[in-house]
Protein backbone atom coordinates (compact mmCIF):
# COMPACT_ATOMS: atom_id res chain seq x y z
CA MET A 1 99.56 140.44 103.79
CA GLU A 2 102.64 142.58 104.44
CA ARG A 3 105.85 140.71 105.22
CA PRO A 4 109.15 141.84 106.73
CA HIS A 5 111.67 143.10 104.18
CA GLY A 6 113.20 140.24 102.20
CA LEU A 7 110.79 137.59 103.51
CA SER A 8 109.43 135.33 100.81
CA LYS A 9 106.13 133.45 100.97
CA GLN A 10 107.99 130.28 101.93
CA VAL A 11 107.22 128.79 105.30
CA ARG A 12 109.59 130.09 108.00
CA PHE A 13 110.01 127.79 110.99
CA VAL A 14 112.00 130.24 113.10
CA MET A 15 109.23 132.80 113.46
CA SER A 16 106.79 133.30 116.28
CA ASP A 17 103.80 130.99 116.56
CA HIS A 18 101.55 133.77 115.29
CA LYS A 19 103.69 134.26 112.21
CA LYS A 20 103.79 130.51 111.65
CA ASN A 21 100.03 130.54 111.45
CA ASP A 22 100.16 133.41 108.95
CA ASP A 23 102.54 131.58 106.64
CA LEU A 24 100.75 128.23 106.95
CA GLY A 25 97.31 129.75 106.59
CA ALA A 26 96.96 129.51 102.80
CA TYR A 27 96.69 125.72 102.93
CA TRP A 28 93.31 124.55 104.26
CA MET A 29 94.27 121.06 105.40
CA PRO A 30 91.91 118.07 105.09
CA PHE A 31 90.61 116.15 108.13
CA THR A 32 92.91 118.28 110.32
CA ALA A 33 92.44 120.60 113.30
CA ASN A 34 94.03 123.42 111.31
CA LYS A 35 94.47 125.92 114.13
CA ASP A 36 96.07 123.33 116.41
CA PHE A 37 98.33 121.98 113.68
CA LYS A 38 99.55 125.38 112.57
CA ALA A 39 100.40 126.31 116.14
CA ASN A 40 102.51 123.15 116.45
CA PRO A 41 103.24 121.75 112.97
CA ARG A 42 104.32 118.18 112.31
CA MET A 43 106.28 118.62 109.09
CA LEU A 44 107.64 115.70 107.09
CA GLU A 45 110.40 116.52 104.61
CA SER A 46 111.47 113.22 103.09
CA ALA A 47 110.93 109.48 103.40
CA ASN A 48 112.77 106.25 102.74
CA GLY A 49 111.81 102.68 103.61
CA ILE A 50 109.63 102.68 106.70
CA TYR A 51 110.93 106.06 107.91
CA PHE A 52 109.91 109.67 107.47
CA LYS A 53 112.38 112.45 108.16
CA THR A 54 110.97 115.61 109.71
CA THR A 55 112.01 119.16 108.87
CA GLU A 56 113.84 119.08 112.21
CA GLY A 57 115.94 116.16 110.99
CA ARG A 58 114.30 113.48 113.19
CA ASP A 59 113.57 109.97 111.92
CA VAL A 60 109.97 108.87 112.47
CA ILE A 61 108.70 105.34 111.76
CA ASP A 62 105.69 105.34 109.47
CA GLY A 63 103.43 103.22 111.62
CA SER A 64 100.37 103.89 109.46
CA SER A 65 101.80 103.30 105.96
CA GLY A 66 101.16 106.93 105.12
CA LEU A 67 97.38 106.70 105.13
CA TRP A 68 97.19 102.93 104.54
CA CYS A 69 98.94 103.60 101.20
CA SER A 70 102.68 102.94 101.38
CA ALA A 71 102.61 99.15 101.44
CA LEU A 72 106.15 98.84 100.07
CA GLY A 73 107.52 101.62 102.24
CA HIS A 74 108.71 104.91 100.80
CA ASN A 75 110.98 105.64 97.87
CA TYR A 76 110.71 102.06 96.64
CA PRO A 77 113.33 102.03 93.83
CA GLN A 78 111.35 100.26 91.10
CA VAL A 79 108.27 102.42 91.68
CA THR A 80 110.23 105.66 91.82
CA GLU A 81 112.11 104.83 88.64
CA ALA A 82 108.91 103.81 86.82
CA ILE A 83 107.36 107.22 87.56
CA ARG A 84 110.52 109.05 86.52
CA GLU A 85 110.79 107.13 83.26
CA GLN A 86 107.11 107.51 82.41
CA ALA A 87 107.17 111.27 83.02
CA GLY A 88 109.80 111.59 80.31
CA LYS A 89 107.88 109.41 77.86
CA LEU A 90 104.14 110.08 78.15
CA ASP A 91 103.19 112.49 80.91
CA TYR A 92 99.43 112.56 80.19
CA SER A 93 96.90 110.87 77.97
CA THR A 94 93.14 111.25 78.12
CA ALA A 95 91.15 108.10 78.79
CA PHE A 96 88.12 109.42 76.86
CA GLN A 97 88.15 107.79 73.40
CA PHE A 98 91.93 107.24 73.62
CA GLY A 99 94.15 104.76 75.46
CA HIS A 100 97.77 103.95 76.15
CA PRO A 101 99.18 100.40 76.25
CA GLN A 102 100.17 100.42 79.91
CA ALA A 103 96.56 101.07 81.02
CA PHE A 104 95.44 97.81 79.38
CA GLU A 105 98.48 95.99 80.76
CA LEU A 106 97.60 97.09 84.28
CA ALA A 107 93.92 96.23 83.87
CA ASN A 108 94.89 92.69 82.91
CA MET A 109 97.30 92.44 85.86
CA LEU A 110 94.60 93.56 88.28
CA ALA A 111 91.97 91.29 86.74
CA ASP A 112 94.32 88.36 87.32
CA THR A 113 94.74 89.49 90.94
CA MET A 114 91.04 89.84 91.71
CA PRO A 115 89.07 86.80 92.93
CA GLY A 116 86.63 84.72 90.93
CA ASP A 117 84.77 86.44 88.13
CA LEU A 118 85.84 90.04 88.84
CA ASN A 119 87.47 90.35 85.45
CA HIS A 120 86.98 93.99 84.43
CA ILE A 121 88.66 97.12 85.79
CA PHE A 122 87.59 100.78 85.72
CA PHE A 123 90.23 103.32 86.75
CA THR A 124 89.62 106.24 89.10
CA ASN A 125 91.86 108.57 91.11
CA SER A 126 90.91 107.82 94.70
CA GLY A 127 88.89 105.62 96.99
CA SER A 128 86.09 108.17 97.10
CA GLU A 129 85.83 108.11 93.32
CA SER A 130 85.97 104.32 93.29
CA VAL A 131 82.99 104.15 95.63
CA ASP A 132 80.87 106.64 93.69
CA THR A 133 81.78 104.76 90.49
CA ALA A 134 80.70 101.44 92.01
CA LEU A 135 77.37 102.88 93.16
CA LYS A 136 76.67 104.28 89.70
CA MET A 137 77.54 100.95 88.12
CA ALA A 138 75.16 99.14 90.44
CA LEU A 139 72.28 101.50 89.64
CA GLY A 140 72.97 101.36 85.91
CA TYR A 141 73.24 97.57 85.92
CA HIS A 142 69.76 97.13 87.37
CA ARG A 143 68.25 99.73 85.05
CA LEU A 144 69.68 97.99 81.99
CA ASN A 145 68.25 94.72 83.27
CA GLY A 146 64.77 96.21 83.39
CA GLU A 147 64.79 96.82 87.15
CA GLY A 148 65.16 100.57 87.25
CA GLN A 149 63.16 100.66 90.46
CA ARG A 150 66.18 99.21 92.28
CA THR A 151 67.59 102.54 93.45
CA ARG A 152 68.02 102.01 97.18
CA LEU A 153 71.55 101.64 98.59
CA ILE A 154 72.37 100.01 101.93
CA GLY A 155 75.48 100.94 103.93
CA ARG A 156 76.42 100.38 107.54
CA VAL A 157 76.68 102.41 110.75
CA ASN A 158 80.31 103.56 111.20
CA GLY A 159 81.08 102.68 107.61
CA TYR A 160 83.56 104.85 105.74
CA HIS A 161 83.31 105.05 101.96
CA GLY A 162 85.13 108.25 101.13
CA VAL A 163 83.93 111.83 100.98
CA GLY A 164 81.89 112.08 97.78
CA PHE A 165 78.16 112.55 98.22
CA GLY A 166 77.56 108.92 97.37
CA GLY A 167 80.21 107.77 99.82
CA ILE A 168 79.03 109.86 102.75
CA SER A 169 75.44 108.83 102.06
CA VAL A 170 76.13 105.11 102.35
CA GLY A 171 78.78 105.79 104.98
CA GLY A 172 77.84 105.90 108.62
CA MET A 173 80.31 108.22 110.36
CA VAL A 174 78.38 111.12 111.87
CA ASN A 175 80.99 113.87 111.52
CA ASN A 176 81.38 113.11 107.83
CA ARG A 177 77.63 113.51 107.28
CA LYS A 178 76.12 116.06 109.62
CA PHE A 179 77.25 119.25 107.87
CA PHE A 180 76.20 118.36 104.35
CA GLY A 181 72.44 118.21 104.12
CA ALA A 182 70.14 115.36 103.17
CA MET A 183 72.63 113.58 100.88
CA LEU A 184 71.37 110.85 98.52
CA PRO A 185 67.75 109.76 98.98
CA GLY A 186 66.78 106.15 99.53
CA VAL A 187 69.75 105.08 101.64
CA ASP A 188 69.56 102.94 104.76
CA HIS A 189 72.14 101.43 107.12
CA MET A 190 72.78 98.10 108.78
CA PRO A 191 74.04 98.12 112.38
CA PHE A 192 77.69 98.10 113.35
CA PRO A 193 78.73 94.42 113.69
CA TYR A 194 80.68 94.70 116.93
CA ASP A 195 79.98 94.71 120.67
CA GLU A 196 81.76 94.32 124.01
CA SER A 197 81.63 90.53 123.84
CA MET A 198 84.16 90.74 121.00
CA HIS A 199 86.70 92.89 122.83
CA ASN A 200 90.36 91.88 122.58
CA SER A 201 89.76 89.32 119.85
CA PHE A 202 92.88 88.05 118.13
CA GLY A 203 91.79 88.07 114.49
CA GLN A 204 88.12 87.63 113.62
CA PRO A 205 85.77 87.69 116.61
CA GLU A 206 83.31 84.92 117.37
CA GLY A 207 79.58 85.20 117.73
CA GLY A 208 78.61 88.11 115.50
CA GLU A 209 77.13 86.40 112.45
CA HIS A 210 73.67 87.44 113.57
CA TYR A 211 74.44 91.08 112.76
CA ALA A 212 74.15 90.17 109.07
CA ASP A 213 70.56 89.08 109.62
CA LYS A 214 69.67 92.74 110.21
CA LEU A 215 69.94 93.08 106.44
CA GLU A 216 66.91 90.77 106.11
CA GLU A 217 64.96 93.18 108.31
CA LEU A 218 65.84 96.12 106.04
CA ILE A 219 64.86 94.08 103.00
CA ALA A 220 61.53 93.26 104.62
CA LEU A 221 61.00 96.96 105.32
CA HIS A 222 61.91 98.30 101.86
CA ASP A 223 61.31 95.19 99.69
CA ALA A 224 64.17 93.59 97.80
CA SER A 225 62.83 94.87 94.48
CA THR A 226 63.85 98.42 95.47
CA ILE A 227 67.41 97.70 96.61
CA ALA A 228 70.33 98.00 94.18
CA ALA A 229 73.37 97.29 96.34
CA VAL A 230 74.81 96.72 99.77
CA ILE A 231 78.25 98.20 100.42
CA VAL A 232 80.55 97.31 103.32
CA GLU A 233 84.21 97.38 104.21
CA PRO A 234 85.08 93.69 104.66
CA ALA A 235 87.43 94.82 107.43
CA ILE A 236 86.52 98.19 108.88
CA GLY A 237 89.35 100.71 108.75
CA SER A 238 88.64 104.39 109.34
CA ALA A 239 86.16 103.87 112.18
CA GLY A 240 88.88 102.22 114.24
CA VAL A 241 89.88 98.84 112.71
CA TYR A 242 87.26 96.16 113.34
CA MET A 243 87.41 92.69 111.84
CA PRO A 244 84.25 90.98 110.55
CA PRO A 245 82.82 88.41 112.93
CA LYS A 246 83.22 84.85 111.69
CA GLY A 247 80.39 83.99 109.32
CA TYR A 248 79.23 87.60 108.94
CA LEU A 249 80.46 88.28 105.41
CA GLU A 250 79.38 84.83 104.27
CA ARG A 251 75.88 85.55 105.52
CA LEU A 252 75.77 88.94 103.77
CA ARG A 253 76.74 87.25 100.53
CA GLU A 254 74.04 84.61 100.99
CA ILE A 255 71.34 87.21 101.64
CA THR A 256 72.28 89.52 98.78
CA GLU A 257 72.46 86.68 96.26
CA LYS A 258 69.07 85.38 97.37
CA HIS A 259 67.45 88.76 96.72
CA GLY A 260 69.31 89.79 93.55
CA ILE A 261 71.13 92.61 95.34
CA LEU A 262 74.69 93.48 94.36
CA LEU A 263 77.31 93.22 97.10
CA VAL A 264 80.12 95.77 97.03
CA PHE A 265 83.29 95.33 99.07
CA ASP A 266 85.05 98.61 99.76
CA GLU A 267 88.66 97.42 99.78
CA VAL A 268 90.33 100.80 99.48
CA ILE A 269 92.28 99.96 102.65
CA THR A 270 92.43 96.17 102.54
CA ALA A 271 93.31 95.48 98.89
CA PHE A 272 96.91 94.71 97.96
CA GLY A 273 98.24 92.99 101.01
CA ARG A 274 97.01 94.63 104.19
CA LEU A 275 95.51 91.31 105.33
CA GLY A 276 98.16 89.12 103.70
CA TYR A 277 96.32 88.58 100.42
CA ALA A 278 95.66 90.61 97.30
CA THR A 279 92.14 91.24 98.61
CA ALA A 280 90.16 90.76 101.79
CA SER A 281 87.71 88.90 99.59
CA GLU A 282 90.37 86.26 99.05
CA ARG A 283 91.29 86.23 102.73
CA PHE A 284 87.70 85.65 103.82
CA SER A 285 86.73 83.47 100.81
CA VAL A 286 83.74 85.65 99.98
CA GLU A 287 83.36 86.96 96.43
CA PRO A 288 81.35 90.18 96.04
CA ASP A 289 80.02 91.58 92.77
CA ILE A 290 82.18 94.72 92.89
CA ILE A 291 85.43 95.61 94.67
CA THR A 292 86.62 99.19 95.11
CA THR A 293 90.36 99.85 95.52
CA ALA A 294 92.88 102.70 95.72
CA LYS A 295 95.72 103.53 98.18
CA ALA A 296 98.24 100.67 97.93
CA ILE A 297 97.40 99.98 94.28
CA ASN A 298 100.53 101.96 93.35
CA ASN A 299 102.06 102.39 96.78
CA GLY A 300 100.31 105.73 97.24
CA THR A 301 102.76 107.51 94.97
CA VAL A 302 100.35 109.05 92.44
CA PRO A 303 96.59 109.40 93.10
CA MET A 304 94.83 106.34 91.72
CA GLY A 305 91.94 103.97 92.32
CA ALA A 306 90.28 101.11 90.50
CA VAL A 307 86.93 99.33 90.52
CA ALA A 308 86.77 95.63 89.72
CA VAL A 309 83.44 94.21 88.55
CA GLN A 310 82.11 90.78 87.77
CA SER A 311 81.73 89.92 84.09
CA LYS A 312 77.94 89.89 84.39
CA ILE A 313 78.00 93.62 85.15
CA TYR A 314 80.45 94.53 82.40
CA ASP A 315 78.67 92.33 79.88
CA THR A 316 75.33 93.90 80.69
CA PHE A 317 76.63 97.36 79.79
CA MET A 318 78.42 96.07 76.67
CA ASP A 319 75.44 94.07 75.42
CA LYS A 320 72.63 96.50 76.18
CA MET A 321 74.18 99.88 75.33
CA ASP A 322 75.35 101.28 72.00
CA GLY A 323 78.01 103.94 71.69
CA VAL A 324 79.28 105.12 75.07
CA GLU A 325 78.24 102.34 77.44
CA LEU A 326 78.88 104.18 80.73
CA PHE A 327 78.61 107.95 80.91
CA HIS A 328 81.14 108.27 83.67
CA GLY A 329 84.87 108.82 84.07
CA TYR A 330 87.57 111.23 85.16
CA THR A 331 90.10 113.51 83.50
CA TYR A 332 92.91 111.58 85.16
CA SER A 333 91.53 108.04 84.78
CA ALA A 334 94.46 105.71 83.97
CA HIS A 335 96.92 108.60 84.25
CA PRO A 336 100.20 107.36 82.73
CA LEU A 337 102.30 108.16 85.81
CA ALA A 338 99.81 106.47 88.15
CA VAL A 339 99.62 103.45 85.88
CA ALA A 340 103.41 103.13 85.66
CA ALA A 341 103.66 103.25 89.44
CA ALA A 342 100.90 100.66 89.78
CA ILE A 343 102.51 98.22 87.35
CA ALA A 344 105.79 98.47 89.25
CA SER A 345 104.00 98.06 92.59
CA GLN A 346 101.96 95.06 91.46
CA LYS A 347 105.09 93.36 90.16
CA ALA A 348 106.86 94.03 93.46
CA PHE A 349 104.01 92.55 95.51
CA VAL A 350 104.42 89.28 93.60
CA GLU A 351 108.18 89.16 93.02
CA GLU A 352 109.09 90.19 96.56
CA GLY A 353 106.55 87.86 98.17
CA VAL A 354 104.93 90.73 100.06
CA TYR A 355 101.62 88.99 100.74
CA GLU A 356 103.40 85.91 102.02
CA HIS A 357 105.59 88.11 104.20
CA VAL A 358 102.52 89.56 105.91
CA ARG A 359 101.05 86.11 106.52
CA THR A 360 104.36 84.93 107.98
CA HIS A 361 104.66 87.89 110.35
CA GLU A 362 101.04 88.67 111.25
CA GLN A 363 101.10 86.49 114.37
CA TYR A 364 104.21 88.27 115.65
CA PHE A 365 102.71 91.65 114.84
CA GLY A 366 99.42 90.75 116.51
CA GLU A 367 101.16 89.56 119.66
CA MET A 368 103.03 92.86 119.87
CA VAL A 369 99.81 94.84 119.59
CA HIS A 370 97.92 92.71 122.11
CA ASP A 371 100.80 93.02 124.55
CA LEU A 372 100.26 96.80 124.44
CA GLY A 373 96.68 96.12 125.51
CA SER A 374 97.83 95.08 128.97
CA SER A 375 97.93 98.75 129.95
CA LYS A 376 95.01 99.85 132.13
CA CYS A 377 94.26 102.79 129.86
CA VAL A 378 93.67 100.47 126.85
CA THR A 379 90.11 99.15 126.74
CA ASP A 380 90.20 97.04 123.55
CA VAL A 381 92.67 95.61 121.01
CA ARG A 382 91.89 94.35 117.49
CA ASN A 383 94.08 92.93 114.74
CA LEU A 384 94.42 90.89 111.56
CA GLY A 385 97.25 90.86 109.04
CA PHE A 386 99.20 94.11 109.34
CA MET A 387 96.12 96.00 110.50
CA SER A 388 95.44 96.77 114.17
CA ALA A 389 94.05 99.25 116.65
CA LEU A 390 94.00 100.05 120.35
CA THR A 391 91.03 101.77 121.98
CA PHE A 392 91.97 104.14 124.80
CA ASP A 393 90.02 105.27 127.81
CA ARG A 394 88.86 108.88 128.01
CA MET A 395 90.18 111.64 130.25
CA GLY A 396 87.26 113.15 132.10
CA GLY A 397 84.89 111.51 129.66
CA LYS A 398 86.15 113.67 126.77
CA PRO A 399 86.29 111.83 123.42
CA ALA A 400 89.72 111.42 121.79
CA SER A 401 91.43 112.97 124.82
CA LEU A 402 93.85 110.20 125.79
CA SER A 403 94.20 108.89 122.24
CA GLY A 404 95.03 112.42 121.09
CA ASN A 405 97.84 112.62 123.63
CA VAL A 406 99.10 109.19 122.55
CA PHE A 407 99.09 110.29 118.91
CA GLN A 408 101.15 113.41 119.62
CA ARG A 409 103.57 111.79 122.07
CA ALA A 410 104.18 108.84 119.76
CA TYR A 411 105.21 111.29 117.05
CA GLU A 412 107.55 113.03 119.47
CA ASN A 413 108.98 109.62 120.38
CA GLY A 414 109.58 108.72 116.73
CA LEU A 415 106.44 106.91 115.56
CA LYS A 416 103.61 108.09 113.31
CA VAL A 417 100.30 106.36 114.05
CA ARG A 418 96.72 106.99 112.94
CA MET A 419 94.11 108.40 115.32
CA SER A 420 90.38 107.89 114.87
CA GLY A 421 88.34 109.02 117.84
CA ASP A 422 89.46 107.02 120.87
CA ASN A 423 91.33 104.58 118.63
CA ILE A 424 94.97 104.46 117.62
CA ALA A 425 95.56 102.40 114.49
CA ILE A 426 98.92 100.76 113.86
CA ALA A 427 99.36 99.53 110.28
CA PRO A 428 103.01 99.64 109.19
CA PRO A 429 104.32 99.07 105.67
CA LEU A 430 103.94 95.46 104.58
CA ILE A 431 107.72 95.09 104.25
CA SER A 432 108.20 95.60 108.01
CA THR A 433 110.45 93.03 109.67
CA LYS A 434 110.34 91.57 113.18
CA SER A 435 112.95 94.14 114.17
CA ASP A 436 110.72 96.93 112.83
CA ILE A 437 107.74 95.51 114.71
CA ASP A 438 109.83 95.43 117.89
CA LYS A 439 110.74 99.09 117.46
CA ILE A 440 107.12 100.05 116.97
CA GLY A 441 106.20 98.12 120.11
CA GLU A 442 108.98 99.75 122.14
CA ILE A 443 107.93 103.27 121.14
CA MET A 444 104.26 102.58 121.79
CA ARG A 445 105.04 101.02 125.17
CA LYS A 446 107.09 104.06 126.17
CA THR A 447 104.41 106.41 124.88
CA ILE A 448 101.59 104.71 126.77
CA GLN A 449 103.63 104.73 129.98
CA GLU A 450 104.31 108.45 129.60
CA VAL A 451 100.76 109.44 128.68
CA GLY A 452 98.56 106.83 130.34
């Protein structure tokens, strides 16, 4: 592409809209309306604490913790310094047939953090990889136990489990599935455990335990002997923030245990403090067989994920396989920089009392969010911990019309939120104070008045 004399390939923000699109065109952005974005970019240049700074010099509150990642806020000193120091010491080490001490240190830290008997950790680089890893482990576990016919996987309508083929197969979000063929065979889905009777619940809704009984119907259809695992988000995130009805997760655990089916909790969003505990499993007092994590594990600073498994799963592979026990892994598993950031983050969660801080402030945060629900254009409000969402009405029946306007106007007013269909999620860094919560509420109130 020819460029005016002296013009580099750097992005130029003073050019015409058409030229902006030319210079931004090389980057195919994920989960983004690329043409719309490149006509009106939202560029973030730096970040500190709970604030981003735009390329225009405006301060914008990070009301979504990056993408549920930045639990400690941005540029957290101990995490930043850990990455810097590690880069000058050991910048890379393969995890295949070699190790580095910090990887084992972190695995032990995480094992101590996980509930019950989830004592073994496998490192990945993202939530998507964590999910595909967990599914493979479940299939391999049954095969090694002489039940290789257990190949069926059960997900849930509106579930989100990343973008790998395993994740979109067990996931239940239509747009993430419809372009990509038949996906994995032998997958079925439980219904979405939410209805209008649960609208505007503060915390977990009442009366939805019966949704778990739909799993018994699927088991009757397919036979338990064919089912390897059930995977759910204990608190639904990407589909719009929905809390599990009281008794629902307990019932799922009861059913899966009865039939010898592994239960996987996808805690990529909820692990490490989002609900005021190290895991949603701990919050809801339900122990699954496998937990998938990522995002806040190291404050979102270097791509990383981890899968925690019960000892019975790990021991099965160790006892029944010789040589390489699991033919699976990633080039960047336990990457030294990611590990260093995770160790620093995990220490901060404990030493700074981050989980306790969320539990202390979740009522105040929830009241702020539910107060926003008094607007006529808001049709539902949901919350728990530092995790919440508002559902907005539609303009002319068009999906994501009003919520899209709220998303853009909130940014213009100084607040970054997360949009998912007609839903606006508000999930600030876990270090947010009452004053920060007040500011978020003020900007959202102003935004809704202007748009709604």
